[in-house]
Amino acid sequence: MDLSSLKPAKGSVKKGRRRGRGQGSGRGGTSTRGHKGAKQRSGYAKKIGFEGGQMPLQRRVPKFGFTNTNRKEYKGINVGVLQSLAESRNIEKIDRDVLIAAGLISRNDLVKILGKGTLGKKLEVHANAFSKSAIVAIEANNGTAVKL
């Protein structure tokens, strides 16, 4: 056996359909493209959203709203979550690295501490923003809220 005698398995390779090679081929004339119109021409490509000349949906529906380019999107974390995190890991300082390691935020998230839940431990919390109720809850246990 040598490389020159190798062949694909019987029936695995089919010949392509030869269109536009005369009437005798069965696919001559219009070459299965139908009569006239853009779809019959070479180079035809339908535009995205084209609906056959009907006004497309994205033009029928009115524009509305406003996008504020200066918006800051914060990831909210409640005080109760900080309490359970501090108890499970036995720590007194919670910063970005601790929250990332716990899987609560990702690298690029801005963090805002919110006041839902109870805090029963003295904590030093570092975050981008705090709600008023969160500051009250943290400072009630002699903790500190450090704004980054």
Protein backbone atom coordinates (compact mmCIF):
# COMPACT_ATOMS: atom_id res chain seq x y z
CA MET A 1 0.00 0.00 0.00
CA ASP A 2 1.27 3.47 -0.87
CA LEU A 3 -0.07 7.02 -0.89
CA SER A 4 -0.95 6.93 -4.60
CA SER A 5 -3.53 4.21 -4.04
CA LEU A 6 -5.54 6.05 -1.35
CA LYS A 7 -9.14 6.92 -2.26
CA PRO A 8 -12.08 8.33 -0.29
CA ALA A 9 -14.78 5.87 0.81
CA LYS A 10 -17.35 4.96 -1.83
CA GLY A 11 -20.25 7.43 -1.83
CA SER A 12 -18.56 9.95 0.49
CA VAL A 13 -17.61 12.46 -2.23
CA LYS A 14 -20.37 13.93 -4.40
CA LYS A 15 -19.89 16.00 -7.55
CA GLY A 16 -21.24 19.55 -7.38
CA ARG A 17 -24.23 20.60 -9.48
CA ARG A 18 -23.11 22.27 -12.70
CA ARG A 19 -25.54 25.11 -13.31
CA GLY A 20 -25.80 27.21 -16.44
CA ARG A 21 -24.24 24.65 -18.80
CA GLY A 22 -27.02 24.43 -21.38
CA GLN A 23 -30.56 23.04 -21.55
CA GLY A 24 -29.38 19.45 -21.73
CA SER A 25 -27.99 19.63 -18.19
CA GLY A 26 -31.44 20.27 -16.71
CA ARG A 27 -30.10 23.38 -14.99
CA GLY A 28 -29.55 25.67 -17.96
CA GLY A 29 -31.48 28.79 -18.92
CA THR A 30 -32.05 30.70 -15.70
CA SER A 31 -29.69 28.38 -13.75
CA THR A 32 -32.28 27.83 -10.98
CA ARG A 33 -32.42 31.57 -10.19
CA GLY A 34 -35.88 32.32 -11.62
CA HIS A 35 -36.79 35.20 -13.94
CA LYS A 36 -35.61 38.83 -13.60
CA GLY A 37 -35.15 40.86 -10.44
CA ALA A 38 -32.28 41.50 -8.03
CA LYS A 39 -32.05 37.88 -6.85
CA GLN A 40 -31.35 36.72 -10.40
CA ARG A 41 -28.36 39.09 -10.87
CA SER A 42 -24.82 38.31 -9.82
CA GLY A 43 -23.54 40.10 -6.74
CA TYR A 44 -26.96 40.17 -5.07
CA ALA A 45 -26.86 40.56 -1.28
CA LYS A 46 -29.98 41.44 0.73
CA LYS A 47 -29.46 44.31 3.18
CA ILE A 48 -29.89 43.55 6.88
CA GLY A 49 -33.48 44.34 7.87
CA PHE A 50 -34.75 44.49 4.26
CA GLU A 51 -38.44 43.57 4.07
CA GLY A 52 -39.06 43.52 0.33
CA GLY A 53 -39.61 47.25 -0.03
CA GLN A 54 -41.99 47.48 2.94
CA MET A 55 -40.85 50.08 5.48
CA PRO A 56 -38.50 48.10 7.76
CA LEU A 57 -39.29 47.65 11.44
CA GLN A 58 -36.34 49.72 12.65
CA ARG A 59 -37.69 52.68 10.64
CA ARG A 60 -41.36 52.16 11.55
CA VAL A 61 -40.77 52.22 15.32
CA PRO A 62 -40.05 55.72 16.69
CA LYS A 63 -36.83 56.62 18.47
CA PHE A 64 -37.17 57.54 22.12
CA GLY A 65 -35.19 57.98 25.31
CA PHE A 66 -31.80 59.32 26.19
CA THR A 67 -28.48 57.72 27.11
CA ASN A 68 -26.40 59.60 29.64
CA THR A 69 -22.75 59.19 28.63
CA ASN A 70 -21.56 60.23 32.10
CA ARG A 71 -23.57 57.60 34.01
CA LYS A 72 -21.68 55.62 36.65
CA GLU A 73 -22.95 52.07 37.11
CA TYR A 74 -22.38 50.73 40.64
CA LYS A 75 -22.54 47.12 41.81
CA GLY A 76 -24.64 47.19 44.99
CA ILE A 77 -23.56 45.07 47.96
CA ASN A 78 -25.64 45.03 51.14
CA VAL A 79 -24.28 45.29 54.68
CA GLY A 80 -25.74 41.86 55.48
CA VAL A 81 -23.56 40.31 52.75
CA LEU A 82 -20.48 41.99 54.26
CA GLN A 83 -21.41 40.55 57.67
CA SER A 84 -21.61 36.97 56.35
CA LEU A 85 -18.38 37.48 54.36
CA ALA A 86 -16.53 38.78 57.44
CA GLU A 87 -17.75 35.85 59.56
CA SER A 88 -16.90 33.15 57.00
CA ARG A 89 -13.39 34.47 56.31
CA ASN A 90 -12.74 35.90 59.81
CA ILE A 91 -11.60 39.32 58.56
CA GLU A 92 -12.05 42.89 59.78
CA LYS A 93 -11.06 44.82 56.63
CA ILE A 94 -13.15 44.50 53.48
CA ASP A 95 -11.79 46.05 50.28
CA ARG A 96 -11.98 45.43 46.51
CA ASP A 97 -9.55 42.49 46.59
CA VAL A 98 -11.63 40.64 49.20
CA LEU A 99 -14.85 41.22 47.22
CA ILE A 100 -13.19 40.06 43.97
CA ALA A 101 -11.83 36.92 45.69
CA ALA A 102 -15.33 36.18 47.04
CA GLY A 103 -16.76 36.48 43.51
CA LEU A 104 -19.10 39.36 44.40
CA ILE A 105 -17.59 41.82 41.88
CA SER A 106 -15.32 41.76 38.85
CA ARG A 107 -12.15 43.82 38.31
CA ASN A 108 -13.81 46.81 36.61
CA ASP A 109 -16.92 47.14 38.79
CA LEU A 110 -17.56 50.21 40.94
CA VAL A 111 -18.83 49.19 44.39
CA LYS A 112 -21.61 50.82 46.40
CA ILE A 113 -22.37 49.55 49.90
CA LEU A 114 -26.11 49.51 50.69
CA GLY A 115 -27.81 49.38 54.10
CA LYS A 116 -29.99 46.25 53.91
CA GLY A 117 -29.28 43.67 56.61
CA THR A 118 -27.60 43.88 60.00
CA LEU A 119 -23.98 44.28 60.96
CA GLY A 120 -22.73 42.92 64.28
CA LYS A 121 -18.99 43.27 63.84
CA LYS A 122 -16.46 46.12 63.69
CA LEU A 123 -15.42 46.42 60.04
CA GLU A 124 -13.23 48.68 57.96
CA VAL A 125 -14.96 48.87 54.58
CA HIS A 126 -13.38 50.35 51.44
CA ALA A 127 -15.75 51.13 48.52
CA ASN A 128 -16.48 53.69 45.79
CA ALA A 129 -19.75 54.83 47.36
CA PHE A 130 -21.94 54.28 50.45
CA SER A 131 -25.62 54.84 51.12
CA LYS A 132 -26.51 56.88 54.23
CA SER A 133 -28.04 53.86 55.94
CA ALA A 134 -24.91 51.80 55.24
CA ILE A 135 -22.65 54.43 56.85
CA VAL A 136 -24.93 54.50 59.91
CA ALA A 137 -24.86 50.68 60.18
CA ILE A 138 -21.05 50.49 59.84
CA GLU A 139 -20.33 53.33 62.27
CA ALA A 140 -22.83 51.98 64.84
CA ASN A 141 -20.36 49.10 65.43
CA ASN A 142 -17.32 51.48 65.69
CA GLY A 143 -16.35 50.54 62.11
CA THR A 144 -15.09 52.88 59.41
CA ALA A 145 -16.41 53.53 55.89
CA VAL A 146 -13.55 54.58 53.60
CA LYS A 147 -14.57 56.10 50.26
CA LEU A 148 -12.13 55.35 47.43
